[in-house]
PDB file of N, CA and C in Angstrom:
ATOM      1  N   MET A   1       0.551  -1.329   0.128  1.00  0.00           N
ATOM      2  CA  MET A   1       0.037  -0.016  -0.228  1.00  0.00           C
ATOM      3  C   MET A   1       1.011   1.114  -0.103  1.00  0.00           C
ATOM      4  N   THR A   2       0.641   2.228  -0.715  1.00  0.00           N
ATOM      5  CA  THR A   2       1.157   3.569  -0.846  1.00  0.00           C
ATOM      6  C   THR A   2       0.885   4.367  -0.036  1.00  0.00           C
ATOM      7  N   SER A   3       1.440   5.421   0.223  1.00  0.00           N
ATOM      8  CA  SER A   3       1.110   6.758   0.784  1.00  0.00           C
ATOM      9  C   SER A   3       0.101   7.440   0.136  1.00  0.00           C
ATOM     10  N   THR A   4       0.137   7.284  -1.264  1.00  0.00           N
ATOM     11  CA  THR A   4      -0.722   8.048  -2.043  1.00  0.00           C
ATOM     12  C   THR A   4      -2.091   7.529  -1.783  1.00  0.00           C
ATOM     13  N   THR A   5      -2.250   6.245  -1.658  1.00  0.00           N
ATOM     14  CA  THR A   5      -3.787   5.463  -1.233  1.00  0.00           C
ATOM     15  C   THR A   5      -4.091   5.854  -0.082  1.00  0.00           C
ATOM     16  N   LEU A   6      -3.133   5.949   1.010  1.00  0.00           N
ATOM     17  CA  LEU A   6      -3.685   6.531   2.423  1.00  0.00           C
ATOM     18  C   LEU A   6      -3.984   7.780   2.508  1.00  0.00           C
ATOM     19  N   ASN A   7      -3.479   8.688   1.514  1.00  0.00           N
ATOM     20  CA  ASN A   7      -3.709  10.210   1.485  1.00  0.00           C
ATOM     21  C   ASN A   7      -5.423  10.278   0.591  1.00  0.00           C
ATOM     22  N   GLN A   8      -5.374   9.115  -0.368  1.00  0.00           N
ATOM     23  CA  GLN A   8      -6.654   9.475  -1.106  1.00  0.00           C
ATOM     24  C   GLN A   8      -8.068   8.861   0.019  1.00  0.00           C
ATOM     25  N   ILE A   9      -7.533   7.732   0.599  1.00  0.00           N
ATOM     26  CA  ILE A   9      -8.600   7.554   1.897  1.00  0.00           C
ATOM     27  C   ILE A   9      -8.741   8.521   2.727  1.00  0.00           C
ATOM     28  N   GLU A  10      -8.135   8.934   3.176  1.00  0.00           N
ATOM     29  CA  GLU A  10      -8.200  10.270   4.401  1.00  0.00           C
ATOM     30  C   GLU A  10      -8.904  11.146   3.735  1.00  0.00           C
ATOM     31  N   ARG A  11      -8.764  11.898   2.366  1.00  0.00           N
ATOM     32  CA  ARG A  11      -9.143  12.737   1.755  1.00  0.00           C
ATOM     33  C   ARG A  11     -10.612  12.824   1.672  1.00  0.00           C
ATOM     34  N   ALA A  12     -10.882  11.412   1.059  1.00  0.00           N
ATOM     35  CA  ALA A  12     -12.430  10.858   0.732  1.00  0.00           C
ATOM     36  C   ALA A  12     -13.046  10.875   2.291  1.00  0.00           C
ATOM     37  N   CYS A  13     -12.628  10.540   3.023  1.00  0.00           N
ATOM     38  CA  CYS A  13     -13.163  10.327   4.524  1.00  0.00           C
ATOM     39  C   CYS A  13     -13.563  12.085   4.948  1.00  0.00           C
ATOM     40  N   THR A  14     -12.511  12.626   4.925  1.00  0.00           N
ATOM     41  CA  THR A  14     -12.465  14.202   5.222  1.00  0.00           C
ATOM     42  C   THR A  14     -14.001  14.981   4.279  1.00  0.00           C
ATOM     43  N   ASP A  15     -13.809  14.595   2.977  1.00  0.00           N
ATOM     44  CA  ASP A  15     -14.590  15.336   2.051  1.00  0.00           C
ATOM     45  C   ASP A  15     -16.071  14.843   2.247  1.00  0.00           C
ATOM     46  N   LEU A  16     -16.470  13.630   2.435  1.00  0.00           N
ATOM     47  CA  LEU A  16     -17.489  12.992   2.650  1.00  0.00           C
ATOM     48  C   LEU A  16     -18.030  13.588   4.331  1.00  0.00           C
ATOM     49  N   ALA A  17     -17.204  13.707   4.972  1.00  0.00           N
ATOM     50  CA  ALA A  17     -17.656  14.208   6.701  1.00  0.00           C
ATOM     51  C   ALA A  17     -18.234  15.576   6.294  1.00  0.00           C
ATOM     52  N   ARG A  18     -17.236  16.405   5.715  1.00  0.00           N
ATOM     53  CA  ARG A  18     -17.459  17.690   5.467  1.00  0.00           C
ATOM     54  C   ARG A  18     -18.730  18.182   4.596  1.00  0.00           C
ATOM     55  N   ASP A  19     -18.967  17.252   3.936  1.00  0.00           N
ATOM     56  CA  ASP A  19     -20.528  17.592   3.154  1.00  0.00           C
ATOM     57  C   ASP A  19     -21.478  16.643   3.571  1.00  0.00           C
ATOM     58  N   GLY A  20     -21.430  16.109   4.690  1.00  0.00           N
ATOM     59  CA  GLY A  20     -22.643  15.466   5.608  1.00  0.00           C
ATOM     60  C   GLY A  20     -22.984  14.001   4.786  1.00  0.00           C
ATOM     61  N   HIS A  21     -22.071  13.510   4.204  1.00  0.00           N
ATOM     62  CA  HIS A  21     -22.433  12.067   3.574  1.00  0.00           C
ATOM     63  C   HIS A  21     -21.684  11.179   4.448  1.00  0.00           C
ATOM     64  N   PRO A  22     -22.593  10.057   4.473  1.00  0.00           N
ATOM     65  CA  PRO A  22     -22.085   8.747   5.268  1.00  0.00           C
ATOM     66  C   PRO A  22     -20.763   8.659   4.927  1.00  0.00           C
ATOM     67  N   ILE A  23     -19.852   7.847   5.845  1.00  0.00           N
ATOM     68  CA  ILE A  23     -18.595   7.194   5.584  1.00  0.00           C
ATOM     69  C   ILE A  23     -18.771   5.965   5.599  1.00  0.00           C
ATOM     70  N   THR A  24     -18.872   5.235   4.473  1.00  0.00           N
ATOM     71  CA  THR A  24     -18.859   3.901   4.073  1.00  0.00           C
ATOM     72  C   THR A  24     -17.701   3.381   3.182  1.00  0.00           C
ATOM     73  N   ILE A  25     -17.428   2.079   3.323  1.00  0.00           N
ATOM     74  CA  ILE A  25     -16.346   1.540   2.466  1.00  0.00           C
ATOM     75  C   ILE A  25     -16.843   1.823   0.806  1.00  0.00           C
ATOM     76  N   ALA A  26     -17.969   1.575   0.602  1.00  0.00           N
ATOM     77  CA  ALA A  26     -18.637   1.996  -0.680  1.00  0.00           C
ATOM     78  C   ALA A  26     -18.196   3.260  -1.064  1.00  0.00           C
ATOM     79  N   SER A  27     -18.717   4.407  -0.261  1.00  0.00           N
ATOM     80  CA  SER A  27     -18.808   5.914  -0.420  1.00  0.00           C
ATOM     81  C   SER A  27     -17.390   6.236  -0.636  1.00  0.00           C
ATOM     82  N   VAL A  28     -16.616   5.516   0.285  1.00  0.00           N
ATOM     83  CA  VAL A  28     -15.136   6.081   0.255  1.00  0.00           C
ATOM     84  C   VAL A  28     -14.405   5.646  -0.961  1.00  0.00           C
ATOM     85  N   ALA A  29     -14.508   4.236  -1.108  1.00  0.00           N
ATOM     86  CA  ALA A  29     -13.925   3.874  -2.370  1.00  0.00           C
ATOM     87  C   ALA A  29     -14.460   4.716  -3.766  1.00  0.00           C
ATOM     88  N   GLY A  30     -15.594   4.756  -3.742  1.00  0.00           N
ATOM     89  CA  GLY A  30     -16.364   5.565  -4.807  1.00  0.00           C
ATOM     90  C   GLY A  30     -15.839   6.972  -5.019  1.00  0.00           C
ATOM     91  N   HIS A  31     -15.531   7.393  -3.800  1.00  0.00           N
ATOM     92  CA  HIS A  31     -14.983   9.066  -3.754  1.00  0.00           C
ATOM     93  C   HIS A  31     -13.645   9.097  -4.137  1.00  0.00           C
ATOM     94  N   ALA A  32     -12.749   8.306  -3.733  1.00  0.00           N
ATOM     95  CA  ALA A  32     -11.455   8.048  -3.890  1.00  0.00           C
ATOM     96  C   ALA A  32     -11.004   7.217  -5.075  1.00  0.00           C
ATOM     97  N   GLY A  33     -12.028   6.672  -5.674  1.00  0.00           N
ATOM     98  CA  GLY A  33     -11.431   5.819  -7.158  1.00  0.00           C
ATOM     99  C   GLY A  33     -10.839   4.902  -6.753  1.00  0.00           C
ATOM    100  N   ILE A  34     -10.965   4.139  -5.712  1.00  0.00           N
ATOM    101  CA  ILE A  34     -10.237   2.925  -5.368  1.00  0.00           C
ATOM    102  C   ILE A  34     -11.302   2.030  -5.243  1.00  0.00           C
ATOM    103  N   ALA A  35     -11.116   0.462  -5.612  1.00  0.00           N
ATOM    104  CA  ALA A  35     -11.911  -0.594  -5.733  1.00  0.00           C
ATOM    105  C   ALA A  35     -12.028  -0.848  -4.025  1.00  0.00           C
ATOM    106  N   ARG A  36     -13.550  -1.465  -3.759  1.00  0.00           N
ATOM    107  CA  ARG A  36     -13.813  -1.815  -2.351  1.00  0.00           C
ATOM    108  C   ARG A  36     -13.011  -3.021  -2.061  1.00  0.00           C
ATOM    109  N   SER A  37     -12.480  -3.806  -2.883  1.00  0.00           N
ATOM    110  CA  SER A  37     -11.732  -4.851  -2.560  1.00  0.00           C
ATOM    111  C   SER A  37     -10.475  -4.609  -2.073  1.00  0.00           C
ATOM    112  N   THR A  38      -9.729  -3.653  -2.424  1.00  0.00           N
ATOM    113  CA  THR A  38      -8.903  -2.984  -2.046  1.00  0.00           C
ATOM    114  C   THR A  38      -8.754  -2.428  -0.533  1.00  0.00           C
ATOM    115  N   ILE A  39      -9.896  -2.089  -0.223  1.00  0.00           N
ATOM    116  CA  ILE A  39     -10.102  -1.545   1.250  1.00  0.00           C
ATOM    117  C   ILE A  39     -10.415  -2.715   1.931  1.00  0.00           C
ATOM    118  N   TYR A  40     -11.340  -3.578   1.418  1.00  0.00           N
ATOM    119  CA  TYR A  40     -11.433  -4.785   2.430  1.00  0.00           C
ATOM    120  C   TYR A  40     -10.268  -5.633   2.695  1.00  0.00           C
ATOM    121  N   ARG A  41      -9.424  -5.535   1.879  1.00  0.00           N
ATOM    122  CA  ARG A  41      -8.049  -6.602   1.966  1.00  0.00           C
ATOM    123  C   ARG A  41      -6.979  -5.761   2.860  1.00  0.00           C
ATOM    124  N   ASN A  42      -7.460  -4.502   3.260  1.00  0.00           N
ATOM    125  CA  ASN A  42      -6.307  -3.788   4.178  1.00  0.00           C
ATOM    126  C   ASN A  42      -6.823  -3.303   5.230  1.00  0.00           C
ATOM    127  N   PRO A  43      -6.530  -3.967   6.218  1.00  0.00           N
ATOM    128  CA  PRO A  43      -6.738  -3.639   7.547  1.00  0.00           C
ATOM    129  C   PRO A  43      -6.417  -2.174   8.140  1.00  0.00           C
ATOM    130  N   GLU A  44      -5.808  -1.841   7.480  1.00  0.00           N
ATOM    131  CA  GLU A  44      -5.060  -0.215   7.917  1.00  0.00           C
ATOM    132  C   GLU A  44      -6.231   0.736   7.332  1.00  0.00           C
ATOM    133  N   LEU A  45      -6.526   0.498   6.095  1.00  0.00           N
ATOM    134  CA  LEU A  45      -7.585   1.186   5.389  1.00  0.00           C
ATOM    135  C   LEU A  45      -8.810   1.332   5.882  1.00  0.00           C
ATOM    136  N   ARG A  46      -9.449   0.048   6.356  1.00  0.00           N
ATOM    137  CA  ARG A  46     -10.533  -0.003   6.885  1.00  0.00           C
ATOM    138  C   ARG A  46     -10.408   0.579   8.433  1.00  0.00           C
ATOM    139  N   ALA A  47      -9.160   0.565   9.116  1.00  0.00           N
ATOM    140  CA  ALA A  47      -9.309   1.437  10.472  1.00  0.00           C
ATOM    141  C   ALA A  47      -9.343   2.844  10.080  1.00  0.00           C
ATOM    142  N   ILE A  48      -8.569   3.376   9.113  1.00  0.00           N
ATOM    143  CA  ILE A  48      -8.787   4.799   9.042  1.00  0.00           C
ATOM    144  C   ILE A  48     -10.432   5.183   8.467  1.00  0.00           C
ATOM    145  N   ILE A  49     -10.867   4.354   7.955  1.00  0.00           N
ATOM    146  CA  ILE A  49     -12.576   4.603   7.723  1.00  0.00           C
ATOM    147  C   ILE A  49     -13.285   4.494   9.046  1.00  0.00           C
ATOM    148  N   GLN A  50     -13.119   3.266   9.958  1.00  0.00           N
ATOM    149  CA  GLN A  50     -13.740   3.349  10.990  1.00  0.00           C
ATOM    150  C   GLN A  50     -13.445   4.434  11.763  1.00  0.00           C
ATOM    151  N   HIS A  51     -12.271   4.942  11.761  1.00  0.00           N
ATOM    152  CA  HIS A  51     -11.750   6.039  12.621  1.00  0.00           C
ATOM    153  C   HIS A  51     -12.685   7.347  12.502  1.00  0.00           C
ATOM    154  N   HIS A  52     -12.776   7.746  10.861  1.00  0.00           N
ATOM    155  CA  HIS A  52     -13.559   8.670  10.380  1.00  0.00           C
ATOM    156  C   HIS A  52     -14.810   8.682  10.938  1.00  0.00           C
ATOM    157  N   ARG A  53     -15.505   7.390  10.892  1.00  0.00           N
ATOM    158  CA  ARG A  53     -16.970   7.110  11.202  1.00  0.00           C
ATOM    159  C   ARG A  53     -17.165   7.592  12.652  1.00  0.00           C
ATOM    160  N   GLN A  54     -16.261   7.373  13.600  1.00  0.00           N
ATOM    161  CA  GLN A  54     -16.451   7.718  14.899  1.00  0.00           C
ATOM    162  C   GLN A  54     -15.932   8.992  15.630  1.00  0.00           C
ATOM    163  N   ALA A  55     -15.135   9.693  14.544  1.00  0.00           N
ATOM    164  CA  ALA A  55     -14.383  11.207  15.087  1.00  0.00           C
ATOM    165  C   ALA A  55     -15.667  11.972  15.131  1.00  0.00           C
ATOM    166  N   ALA A  56     -15.511  13.055  16.032  1.00  0.00           N
ATOM    167  CA  ALA A  56     -16.505  14.021  16.232  1.00  0.00           C
ATOM    168  C   ALA A  56     -16.277  14.814  15.134  1.00  0.00           C
ATOM    169  N   PRO A  57     -17.349  15.454  14.538  1.00  0.00           N
ATOM    170  CA  PRO A  57     -17.141  16.401  13.537  1.00  0.00           C
ATOM    171  C   PRO A  57     -16.931  17.703  13.817  1.00  0.00           C
ATOM    172  N   ASP A  58     -16.937  17.911  15.100  1.00  0.00           N
ATOM    173  CA  ASP A  58     -16.837  19.469  15.390  1.00  0.00           C
ATOM    174  C   ASP A  58     -15.464  19.984  16.102  1.00  0.00           C
ATOM    175  N   GLY A  59     -14.582  18.683  15.580  1.00  0.00           N
ATOM    176  CA  GLY A  59     -12.846  18.931  15.990  1.00  0.00           C
ATOM    177  C   GLY A  59     -12.655  19.114  17.440  1.00  0.00           C
ATOM    178  N   THR A  60     -13.476  18.356  18.363  1.00  0.00           N
ATOM    179  CA  THR A  60     -12.990  18.424  19.774  1.00  0.00           C
ATOM    180  C   THR A  60     -11.809  17.442  20.017  1.00  0.00           C
ATOM    181  N   ILE A  61     -11.179  17.630  21.168  1.00  0.00           N
ATOM    182  CA  ILE A  61     -10.039  17.220  21.720  1.00  0.00           C
ATOM    183  C   ILE A  61     -10.361  15.750  21.682  1.00  0.00           C
ATOM    184  N   THR A  62     -11.242  14.969  21.613  1.00  0.00           N
ATOM    185  CA  THR A  62     -11.426  13.668  21.639  1.00  0.00           C
ATOM    186  C   THR A  62     -10.985  13.180  19.955  1.00  0.00           C
ATOM    187  N   ALA A  63     -11.735  14.095  19.212  1.00  0.00           N
ATOM    188  CA  ALA A  63     -11.371  13.537  17.510  1.00  0.00           C
ATOM    189  C   ALA A  63     -10.012  14.275  17.184  1.00  0.00           C
ATOM    190  N   ILE A  64      -9.431  14.980  17.721  1.00  0.00           N
ATOM    191  CA  ILE A  64      -8.089  15.261  17.696  1.00  0.00           C
ATOM    192  C   ILE A  64      -7.173  14.298  18.239  1.00  0.00           C
ATOM    193  N   THR A  65      -7.558  13.765  19.390  1.00  0.00           N
ATOM    194  CA  THR A  65      -6.650  12.646  19.904  1.00  0.00           C
ATOM    195  C   THR A  65      -6.828  11.302  19.223  1.00  0.00           C
ATOM    196  N   ASP A  66      -8.195  10.980  18.741  1.00  0.00           N
ATOM    197  CA  ASP A  66      -8.079   9.687  17.804  1.00  0.00           C
ATOM    198  C   ASP A  66      -7.334  10.092  16.560  1.00  0.00           C
ATOM    199  N   GLU A  67      -7.366  11.291  16.124  1.00  0.00           N
ATOM    200  CA  GLU A  67      -6.579  11.454  14.717  1.00  0.00           C
ATOM    201  C   GLU A  67      -5.220  11.171  15.201  1.00  0.00           C
ATOM    202  N   LEU A  68      -4.705  11.660  16.214  1.00  0.00           N
ATOM    203  CA  LEU A  68      -3.090  11.257  16.475  1.00  0.00           C
ATOM    204  C   LEU A  68      -2.711   9.917  16.642  1.00  0.00           C
ATOM    205  N   ALA A  69      -3.781   9.161  17.514  1.00  0.00           N
ATOM    206  CA  ALA A  69      -3.612   7.795  17.530  1.00  0.00           C
ATOM    207  C   ALA A  69      -3.509   7.152  16.129  1.00  0.00           C
ATOM    208  N   THR A  70      -4.531   7.462  15.510  1.00  0.00           N
ATOM    209  CA  THR A  70      -4.452   6.839  13.849  1.00  0.00           C
ATOM    210  C   THR A  70      -3.142   7.149  13.266  1.00  0.00           C
ATOM    211  N   LEU A  71      -2.703   8.497  13.213  1.00  0.00           N
ATOM    212  CA  LEU A  71      -1.448   9.129  12.876  1.00  0.00           C
ATOM    213  C   LEU A  71      -0.073   8.091  13.110  1.00  0.00           C
ATOM    214  N   ARG A  72      -0.033   7.829  14.645  1.00  0.00           N
ATOM    215  CA  ARG A  72       0.715   7.122  15.095  1.00  0.00           C
ATOM    216  C   ARG A  72       0.989   5.794  14.710  1.00  0.00           C
ATOM    217  N   GLN A  73      -0.321   4.995  14.284  1.00  0.00           N
ATOM    218  CA  GLN A  73      -0.538   3.643  13.802  1.00  0.00           C
ATOM    219  C   GLN A  73      -0.040   3.664  12.567  1.00  0.00           C
ATOM    220  N   THR A  74      -0.329   4.824  11.893  1.00  0.00           N
ATOM    221  CA  THR A  74       0.294   4.825  10.133  1.00  0.00           C
ATOM    222  C   THR A  74       1.624   4.854  10.304  1.00  0.00           C
ATOM    223  N   VAL A  75       2.230   5.571  10.995  1.00  0.00           N
ATOM    224  CA  VAL A  75       3.660   5.841  11.154  1.00  0.00           C
ATOM    225  C   VAL A  75       4.384   4.414  11.504  1.00  0.00           C
ATOM    226  N   GLN A  76       3.835   3.848  12.674  1.00  0.00           N
ATOM    227  CA  GLN A  76       4.520   2.280  12.947  1.00  0.00           C
ATOM    228  C   GLN A  76       4.263   1.486  11.853  1.00  0.00           C
ATOM    229  N   THR A  77       3.010   1.664  10.979  1.00  0.00           N
ATOM    230  CA  THR A  77       3.075   0.599  10.022  1.00  0.00           C
ATOM    231  C   THR A  77       4.120   0.657   8.832  1.00  0.00           C
ATOM    232  N   LEU A  78       4.238   2.292   8.568  1.00  0.00           N
ATOM    233  CA  LEU A  78       5.409   2.367   7.519  1.00  0.00           C
ATOM    234  C   LEU A  78       6.537   2.299   8.372  1.00  0.00           C
ATOM    235  N   ALA A  79       7.136   2.445   9.551  1.00  0.00           N
ATOM    236  CA  ALA A  79       8.408   1.868   9.922  1.00  0.00           C
ATOM    237  C   ALA A  79       8.783   0.446   9.944  1.00  0.00           C
ATOM    238  N   ASP A  80       7.453  -0.180  10.188  1.00  0.00           N
ATOM    239  CA  ASP A  80       7.667  -1.737   9.984  1.00  0.00           C
ATOM    240  C   ASP A  80       7.902  -2.208   8.513  1.00  0.00           C
ATOM    241  N   THR A  81       7.273  -1.700   7.670  1.00  0.00           N
ATOM    242  CA  THR A  81       7.523  -1.737   6.171  1.00  0.00           C
ATOM    243  C   THR A  81       8.836  -1.637   5.848  1.00  0.00           C
ATOM    244  N   VAL A  82       9.337  -0.436   6.192  1.00  0.00           N
ATOM    245  CA  VAL A  82      10.556  -0.086   5.851  1.00  0.00           C
ATOM    246  C   VAL A  82      11.773  -0.816   6.312  1.00  0.00           C
ATOM    247  N   ARG A  83      11.508  -1.139   7.552  1.00  0.00           N
ATOM    248  CA  ARG A  83      12.478  -2.366   8.276  1.00  0.00           C
ATOM    249  C   ARG A  83      12.462  -3.622   7.601  1.00  0.00           C
ATOM    250  N   HIS A  84      11.209  -4.273   7.263  1.00  0.00           N
ATOM    251  CA  HIS A  84      10.935  -5.166   6.532  1.00  0.00           C
ATOM    252  C   HIS A  84      11.812  -5.308   5.111  1.00  0.00           C
ATOM    253  N   HIS A  85      11.434  -4.092   4.338  1.00  0.00           N
ATOM    254  CA  HIS A  85      12.049  -3.850   3.312  1.00  0.00           C
ATOM    255  C   HIS A  85      13.800  -3.606   3.230  1.00  0.00           C
ATOM    256  N   ASP A  86      14.026  -3.073   4.409  1.00  0.00           N
ATOM    257  CA  ASP A  86      15.481  -3.163   4.730  1.00  0.00           C
ATOM    258  C   ASP A  86      16.302  -4.504   4.797  1.00  0.00           C
ATOM    259  N   ALA A  87      15.554  -5.279   5.535  1.00  0.00           N
ATOM    260  CA  ALA A  87      16.105  -6.395   5.700  1.00  0.00           C
ATOM    261  C   ALA A  87      15.850  -7.181   4.500  1.00  0.00           C
ATOM    262  N   GLN A  88      15.075  -6.993   3.437  1.00  0.00           N
ATOM    263  CA  GLN A  88      14.907  -7.923   2.382  1.00  0.00           C
ATOM    264  C   GLN A  88      16.243  -7.456   1.247  1.00  0.00           C
ATOM    265  N   LEU A  89      16.360  -6.197   1.465  1.00  0.00           N
ATOM    266  CA  LEU A  89      17.529  -5.632   0.628  1.00  0.00           C
ATOM    267  C   LEU A  89      18.906  -6.345   1.217  1.00  0.00           C
ATOM    268  N   ARG A  90      19.062  -6.393   2.466  1.00  0.00           N
ATOM    269  CA  ARG A  90      20.286  -6.766   2.960  1.00  0.00           C
ATOM    270  C   ARG A  90      20.565  -8.352   2.748  1.00  0.00           C
ATOM    271  N   HIS A  91      19.206  -9.012   2.617  1.00  0.00           N
ATOM    272  CA  HIS A  91      19.463 -10.366   2.354  1.00  0.00           C
ATOM    273  C   HIS A  91      19.757 -10.529   0.911  1.00  0.00           C
ATOM    274  N   LEU A  92      19.317  -9.533   0.024  1.00  0.00           N
ATOM    275  CA  LEU A  92      19.306 -10.122  -1.353  1.00  0.00           C
ATOM    276  C   LEU A  92      20.902  -9.385  -1.667  1.00  0.00           C
ATOM    277  N   THR A  93      21.418  -8.464  -1.163  1.00  0.00           N
ATOM    278  CA  THR A  93      22.896  -8.069  -1.339  1.00  0.00           C
ATOM    279  C   THR A  93      23.882  -9.104  -0.655  1.00  0.00           C
ATOM    280  N   ARG A  94      23.379  -9.986   0.093  1.00  0.00           N
ATOM    281  CA  ARG A  94      24.482 -11.216   0.639  1.00  0.00           C
ATOM    282  C   ARG A  94      24.537 -12.091  -0.521  1.00  0.00           C
ATOM    283  N   ASP A  95      23.504 -12.346  -1.193  1.00  0.00           N
ATOM    284  CA  ASP A  95      23.288 -13.299  -2.359  1.00  0.00           C
ATOM    285  C   ASP A  95      24.208 -13.068  -3.193  1.00  0.00           C
TER     286      ASP A  95
END
């Protein structure tokens, strides 16, 4: 999964919420131009959508705290991916 996909999902959720539309996998997928199956297969994308479903639309501290938790998880996932790729590269250069 790329950061572009994450950004598309985040933007779609934000746009839908701003416009007062329900945030569902189908609506997010349609707005982002991404296949629903891509979202269903990726737990991180589903978590982002779930987060936006629960976020307070008024920008309260709870919504901000939830957003920070989501961002921390995203950073952790990216760091894990980088570590995994780094290990793969080290393995390939040894062979």
